[in-house]
Amino acid sequence: MEPYAEPYIPEINVVYPDKLDGHMRQLKITHKTKIDGNYVFLDKSFKFVFKRWLMHMGIFTIVFFMSCLRYGLKIEGRNILRKHRKLLKNGAMTVSNHIHKWDFLFVLKAVRYRFMYFPAWKEQLNTPDEGRIRCAGAIPIPEDIQTFKFFNKAFDEIVAKKKWIHAFPESSMFYYYQPVRPFKKGVFTMAVRYNLPCLPIAFSYRKPHFPFTLINQFRTFIGCQKLPMITLRIGEPILCSANLSRKEAVHKLRRDCHEAIVGLAGIRNNPFPPESD
């Protein structure tokens, strides 16, 4: 892999959870969505499909533009998508570190104009953002094993339609965090089950420069802290190992993706191992 420069380490005034998979966001719980066998994991109604299309038109125009203006987003490695077009045409899974509430939208900008799906923390569906999160492509992860067959059935249909899936294997968002945390194995179990090529994506940071410094001056003026600029870097696809047992293939895929994302982020000595379970 091409050696990348050590990333800029931002000085962000936040307190991270003690647990590496802890949640930073304080959710505003307004209701309780029951995730059971009666829940519609994959809504195919005309009303929902139209709302999803309408929201994505807004993402593809306004949000994509705002990503660069507001967060200084820079995308590298898009040529890899063209290079492996044949491999990726039947579907893929993108995996990345989770450092921002907009980072799924950044991934959408990187892969351009795709309607993707992602496994989601079910508590997010108990907030006023439930509709937007669902329209973005969220499939809530159930807690009980009996409901998992319906969760899996939804992804069976998604993969059969050759749609792309995104996953955050760190499982929670740490705002502008620099090291890459350990990965959960669930998303890699899914990738091996469907034999999906995995595209590693790394988020790292750059020191602010003009004109982004003007945005930071405005943030300071309104009492917010200055932020670094964000770099998204796409790596070469990583394939599932056909000659290994499923358990070994999942373990290897998780390790390979973690190593790739650490390298893409430019981190020389990551303090965390690939596994967390």
Protein backbone atom coordinates (compact mmCIF):
# COMPACT_ATOMS: atom_id res chain seq x y z
CA MET A 1 0.00 0.00 0.00
CA GLU A 2 1.18 3.51 -0.77
CA PRO A 3 2.61 5.16 2.37
CA TYR A 4 0.59 8.23 3.32
CA ALA A 5 1.76 11.12 5.42
CA GLU A 6 0.86 11.05 9.11
CA PRO A 7 -2.49 12.80 9.44
CA TYR A 8 -3.00 16.12 11.14
CA ILE A 9 -4.21 15.50 14.69
CA PRO A 10 -6.96 18.00 15.55
CA GLU A 11 -7.33 19.53 18.99
CA ILE A 12 -11.02 19.00 19.60
CA ASN A 13 -12.52 19.87 22.95
CA VAL A 14 -14.59 16.71 23.46
CA VAL A 15 -14.62 13.92 26.02
CA TYR A 16 -14.67 10.43 24.51
CA PRO A 17 -16.43 7.50 26.21
CA ASP A 18 -14.35 5.14 28.32
CA LYS A 19 -15.52 2.19 26.23
CA LEU A 20 -14.18 2.14 22.68
CA ASP A 21 -17.63 1.20 21.39
CA GLY A 22 -19.46 3.67 23.64
CA HIS A 23 -21.81 6.26 22.18
CA MET A 24 -21.00 9.97 22.26
CA ARG A 25 -24.28 11.31 20.93
CA GLN A 26 -26.95 12.17 23.46
CA LEU A 27 -30.09 11.08 21.66
CA LYS A 28 -33.37 12.91 22.12
CA ILE A 29 -35.73 9.99 22.71
CA THR A 30 -39.28 10.94 21.69
CA HIS A 31 -40.89 7.54 21.12
CA LYS A 32 -40.20 3.82 21.12
CA THR A 33 -40.03 1.97 17.83
CA LYS A 34 -40.57 -1.74 18.36
CA ILE A 35 -38.10 -3.85 16.38
CA ASP A 36 -39.64 -7.30 16.13
CA GLY A 37 -40.99 -9.72 13.54
CA ASN A 38 -43.73 -7.26 12.56
CA TYR A 39 -41.31 -4.43 11.84
CA VAL A 40 -40.89 -3.50 8.15
CA PHE A 41 -37.13 -3.73 7.73
CA LEU A 42 -37.27 -3.03 3.99
CA ASP A 43 -40.10 -0.64 3.20
CA LYS A 44 -41.21 -1.00 -0.42
CA SER A 45 -44.29 1.23 -0.25
CA PHE A 46 -44.65 3.94 -2.90
CA LYS A 47 -44.75 6.66 -0.24
CA PHE A 48 -41.47 5.55 1.36
CA VAL A 49 -39.67 4.95 -1.95
CA PHE A 50 -40.70 8.40 -3.18
CA LYS A 51 -39.55 10.06 0.08
CA ARG A 52 -36.25 8.19 -0.15
CA TRP A 53 -35.73 9.31 -3.74
CA LEU A 54 -36.61 12.90 -2.86
CA MET A 55 -34.20 12.97 0.09
CA HIS A 56 -31.37 11.53 -1.99
CA MET A 57 -31.88 14.23 -4.62
CA GLY A 58 -31.26 16.72 -1.82
CA ILE A 59 -28.19 14.78 -0.66
CA PHE A 60 -26.78 14.56 -4.19
CA THR A 61 -27.07 18.31 -4.68
CA ILE A 62 -27.16 20.42 -1.51
CA VAL A 63 -25.42 18.06 0.93
CA PHE A 64 -22.61 17.13 -1.47
CA PHE A 65 -21.85 20.82 -2.00
CA MET A 66 -22.10 21.59 1.73
CA SER A 67 -19.73 18.73 2.56
CA CYS A 68 -16.89 20.55 0.85
CA LEU A 69 -17.86 24.01 2.02
CA ARG A 70 -18.69 23.19 5.64
CA TYR A 71 -16.19 20.41 6.38
CA GLY A 72 -13.47 20.87 3.77
CA LEU A 73 -14.12 17.35 2.46
CA LYS A 74 -11.49 16.04 0.04
CA ILE A 75 -11.90 12.65 -1.63
CA GLU A 76 -8.95 10.57 -2.86
CA GLY A 77 -8.86 7.21 -4.64
CA ARG A 78 -11.99 7.49 -6.75
CA ASN A 79 -10.01 6.03 -9.65
CA ILE A 80 -10.15 2.70 -7.78
CA LEU A 81 -13.91 2.58 -8.40
CA ARG A 82 -13.33 2.92 -12.13
CA LYS A 83 -10.43 0.47 -12.10
CA HIS A 84 -12.58 -2.25 -10.44
CA ARG A 85 -15.90 -1.41 -12.09
CA LYS A 86 -16.40 -5.00 -13.27
CA LEU A 87 -15.71 -6.46 -9.82
CA LEU A 88 -18.02 -3.99 -8.08
CA LYS A 89 -20.93 -4.03 -10.50
CA ASN A 90 -22.74 -6.81 -8.63
CA GLY A 91 -22.55 -5.07 -5.25
CA ALA A 92 -19.99 -4.29 -2.58
CA MET A 93 -19.57 -3.35 1.05
CA THR A 94 -17.77 -0.16 2.01
CA VAL A 95 -16.29 -0.08 5.52
CA SER A 96 -14.82 2.92 7.33
CA ASN A 97 -13.92 4.42 10.66
CA HIS A 98 -16.80 6.39 12.21
CA ILE A 99 -15.80 9.97 13.06
CA HIS A 100 -18.67 12.28 12.13
CA LYS A 101 -22.47 12.39 12.01
CA TRP A 102 -22.21 13.15 8.27
CA ASP A 103 -19.63 10.51 7.39
CA PHE A 104 -22.15 8.19 5.72
CA LEU A 105 -23.10 11.16 3.51
CA PHE A 106 -19.40 11.64 2.76
CA VAL A 107 -19.25 7.99 1.64
CA LEU A 108 -22.25 8.57 -0.63
CA LYS A 109 -20.37 11.46 -2.22
CA ALA A 110 -17.29 9.28 -2.68
CA VAL A 111 -19.13 6.45 -4.46
CA ARG A 112 -21.44 8.90 -6.27
CA TYR A 113 -25.18 8.71 -6.71
CA ARG A 114 -25.84 5.32 -5.16
CA PHE A 115 -28.77 4.43 -2.91
CA MET A 116 -26.94 2.48 -0.22
CA TYR A 117 -28.05 0.65 2.92
CA PHE A 118 -26.38 0.30 6.30
CA PRO A 119 -26.93 -1.60 9.57
CA ALA A 120 -27.96 0.98 12.18
CA TRP A 121 -28.05 1.31 15.95
CA LYS A 122 -31.73 0.76 16.71
CA GLU A 123 -31.90 3.54 19.34
CA GLN A 124 -31.56 6.11 16.54
CA LEU A 125 -35.06 5.13 15.43
CA ASN A 126 -36.48 6.40 18.71
CA THR A 127 -35.63 10.02 17.85
CA PRO A 128 -37.22 12.74 15.69
CA ASP A 129 -34.67 11.77 12.99
CA GLU A 130 -36.19 8.31 12.49
CA GLY A 131 -37.70 9.16 9.10
CA ARG A 132 -34.52 10.70 7.69
CA ILE A 133 -32.35 7.86 9.01
CA ARG A 134 -34.63 5.26 7.45
CA CYS A 135 -34.72 7.12 4.13
CA ALA A 136 -30.93 7.32 4.15
CA GLY A 137 -30.87 3.50 4.11
CA ALA A 138 -30.80 2.41 7.74
CA ILE A 139 -31.73 -1.18 8.60
CA PRO A 140 -31.98 -1.37 12.41
CA ILE A 141 -30.03 -4.11 14.17
CA PRO A 142 -32.38 -6.10 16.42
CA GLU A 143 -31.38 -7.28 19.87
CA ASP A 144 -33.17 -10.62 20.02
CA ILE A 145 -32.03 -13.58 17.97
CA GLN A 146 -35.58 -14.40 16.80
CA THR A 147 -35.85 -11.09 14.94
CA PHE A 148 -32.49 -11.44 13.25
CA LYS A 149 -33.95 -13.67 10.53
CA PHE A 150 -36.06 -10.71 9.34
CA PHE A 151 -33.00 -8.43 9.47
CA ASN A 152 -31.07 -10.98 7.41
CA LYS A 153 -33.96 -11.38 4.97
CA ALA A 154 -33.87 -7.64 4.28
CA PHE A 155 -30.18 -7.82 3.41
CA ASP A 156 -30.81 -10.95 1.33
CA GLU A 157 -33.06 -8.80 -0.87
CA ILE A 158 -30.66 -5.85 -0.88
CA VAL A 159 -27.75 -8.02 -2.05
CA ALA A 160 -29.95 -9.81 -4.61
CA LYS A 161 -30.67 -6.39 -6.14
CA LYS A 162 -26.90 -5.72 -6.31
CA LYS A 163 -27.16 -2.71 -4.01
CA TRP A 164 -24.18 -1.48 -2.03
CA ILE A 165 -23.92 -1.70 1.76
CA HIS A 166 -21.94 0.53 4.09
CA ALA A 167 -20.81 -0.48 7.56
CA PHE A 168 -19.08 1.18 10.50
CA PRO A 169 -17.33 -1.78 12.17
CA GLU A 170 -16.24 0.39 15.12
CA SER A 171 -20.02 0.40 15.83
CA SER A 172 -20.18 3.95 17.27
CA MET A 173 -19.18 7.48 16.32
CA PHE A 174 -16.22 9.21 18.01
CA TYR A 175 -16.19 12.84 16.87
CA TYR A 176 -12.98 13.61 14.90
CA TYR A 177 -11.17 10.69 16.55
CA GLN A 178 -7.73 9.94 15.16
CA PRO A 179 -6.74 6.30 15.87
CA VAL A 180 -8.78 3.50 14.31
CA ARG A 181 -10.64 1.57 17.00
CA PRO A 182 -11.15 -2.23 17.06
CA PHE A 183 -13.73 -3.68 14.66
CA LYS A 184 -16.77 -5.79 15.47
CA LYS A 185 -17.02 -9.00 13.48
CA GLY A 186 -20.72 -8.79 12.53
CA VAL A 187 -20.33 -6.73 9.35
CA PHE A 188 -17.55 -9.03 8.12
CA THR A 189 -19.71 -12.06 8.81
CA MET A 190 -22.24 -10.40 6.50
CA ALA A 191 -19.60 -9.70 3.83
CA VAL A 192 -18.40 -13.33 3.89
CA ARG A 193 -21.97 -14.65 3.85
CA TYR A 194 -22.73 -12.72 0.65
CA ASN A 195 -19.18 -12.95 -0.74
CA LEU A 196 -19.04 -9.18 -1.15
CA PRO A 197 -15.83 -7.35 -2.00
CA CYS A 198 -15.00 -4.87 0.78
CA LEU A 199 -13.86 -1.36 -0.07
CA PRO A 200 -11.86 0.12 2.82
CA ILE A 201 -12.43 3.85 3.35
CA ALA A 202 -10.44 5.93 5.83
CA PHE A 203 -11.25 9.33 7.27
CA SER A 204 -8.34 11.49 8.35
CA TYR A 205 -7.79 15.23 8.83
CA ARG A 206 -5.92 18.17 7.36
CA LYS A 207 -4.78 21.42 8.91
CA PRO A 208 -7.26 24.17 7.96
CA HIS A 209 -6.17 26.62 5.25
CA PHE A 210 -7.82 29.41 3.29
CA PRO A 211 -10.72 29.61 2.47
CA PHE A 212 -11.75 27.04 5.12
CA THR A 213 -10.12 29.23 7.78
CA LEU A 214 -12.89 31.75 7.12
CA ILE A 215 -15.44 29.10 8.10
CA ASN A 216 -13.50 28.51 11.31
CA GLN A 217 -13.45 32.23 12.05
CA PHE A 218 -17.22 32.26 11.73
CA ARG A 219 -17.45 29.23 14.04
CA THR A 220 -15.36 31.07 16.62
CA PHE A 221 -17.55 34.16 16.26
CA ILE A 222 -20.72 32.18 17.08
CA GLY A 223 -19.06 30.38 19.98
CA CYS A 224 -18.19 27.06 18.29
CA GLN A 225 -14.78 25.44 18.18
CA LYS A 226 -12.53 25.37 15.13
CA LEU A 227 -12.51 22.17 13.09
CA PRO A 228 -9.98 20.44 10.85
CA MET A 229 -10.63 19.66 7.21
CA ILE A 230 -11.63 16.07 6.41
CA THR A 231 -9.98 13.69 3.94
CA LEU A 232 -11.74 10.55 2.69
CA ARG A 233 -9.42 8.02 1.08
CA ILE A 234 -10.62 4.92 -0.82
CA GLY A 235 -8.47 1.78 -0.84
CA GLU A 236 -8.21 -1.28 -3.07
CA PRO A 237 -11.03 -3.86 -2.73
CA ILE A 238 -10.42 -6.71 -0.30
CA LEU A 239 -11.92 -10.08 -1.24
CA CYS A 240 -13.21 -12.84 0.99
CA SER A 241 -10.91 -15.86 1.24
CA ALA A 242 -12.62 -18.78 -0.48
CA ASN A 243 -10.10 -21.38 0.75
CA LEU A 244 -10.72 -20.73 4.46
CA SER A 245 -13.53 -21.78 6.79
CA ARG A 246 -16.21 -19.12 7.33
CA LYS A 247 -14.86 -18.31 10.80
CA GLU A 248 -11.30 -17.96 9.53
CA ALA A 249 -12.45 -15.93 6.51
CA VAL A 250 -14.32 -13.48 8.76
CA HIS A 251 -11.30 -13.12 11.03
CA LYS A 252 -8.95 -12.51 8.10
CA LEU A 253 -11.30 -10.05 6.38
CA ARG A 254 -11.70 -8.02 9.58
CA ARG A 255 -7.93 -7.95 10.14
CA ASP A 256 -7.20 -7.02 6.51
CA CYS A 257 -9.79 -4.22 6.46
CA HIS A 258 -8.57 -2.79 9.75
CA GLU A 259 -4.98 -2.82 8.53
CA ALA A 260 -6.01 -1.18 5.24
CA ILE A 261 -7.96 1.62 6.93
CA VAL A 262 -5.13 2.31 9.37
CA GLY A 263 -2.74 2.56 6.43
CA LEU A 264 -5.09 4.72 4.35
CA ALA A 265 -5.42 7.10 7.30
CA GLY A 266 -1.62 7.45 7.39
CA ILE A 267 -1.35 6.08 10.93
CA ARG A 268 2.03 4.49 11.67
CA ASN A 269 1.43 3.10 15.16
CA ASN A 270 -2.24 2.47 15.77
CA PRO A 271 -2.77 1.73 19.49
CA PHE A 272 -5.69 -0.67 19.03
CA PRO A 273 -5.87 -4.25 17.67
CA PRO A 274 -8.26 -5.20 14.84
CA GLU A 275 -10.52 -7.30 17.08
CA SER A 276 -12.76 -6.24 19.94
CA ASP A 277 -14.73 -9.44 20.53
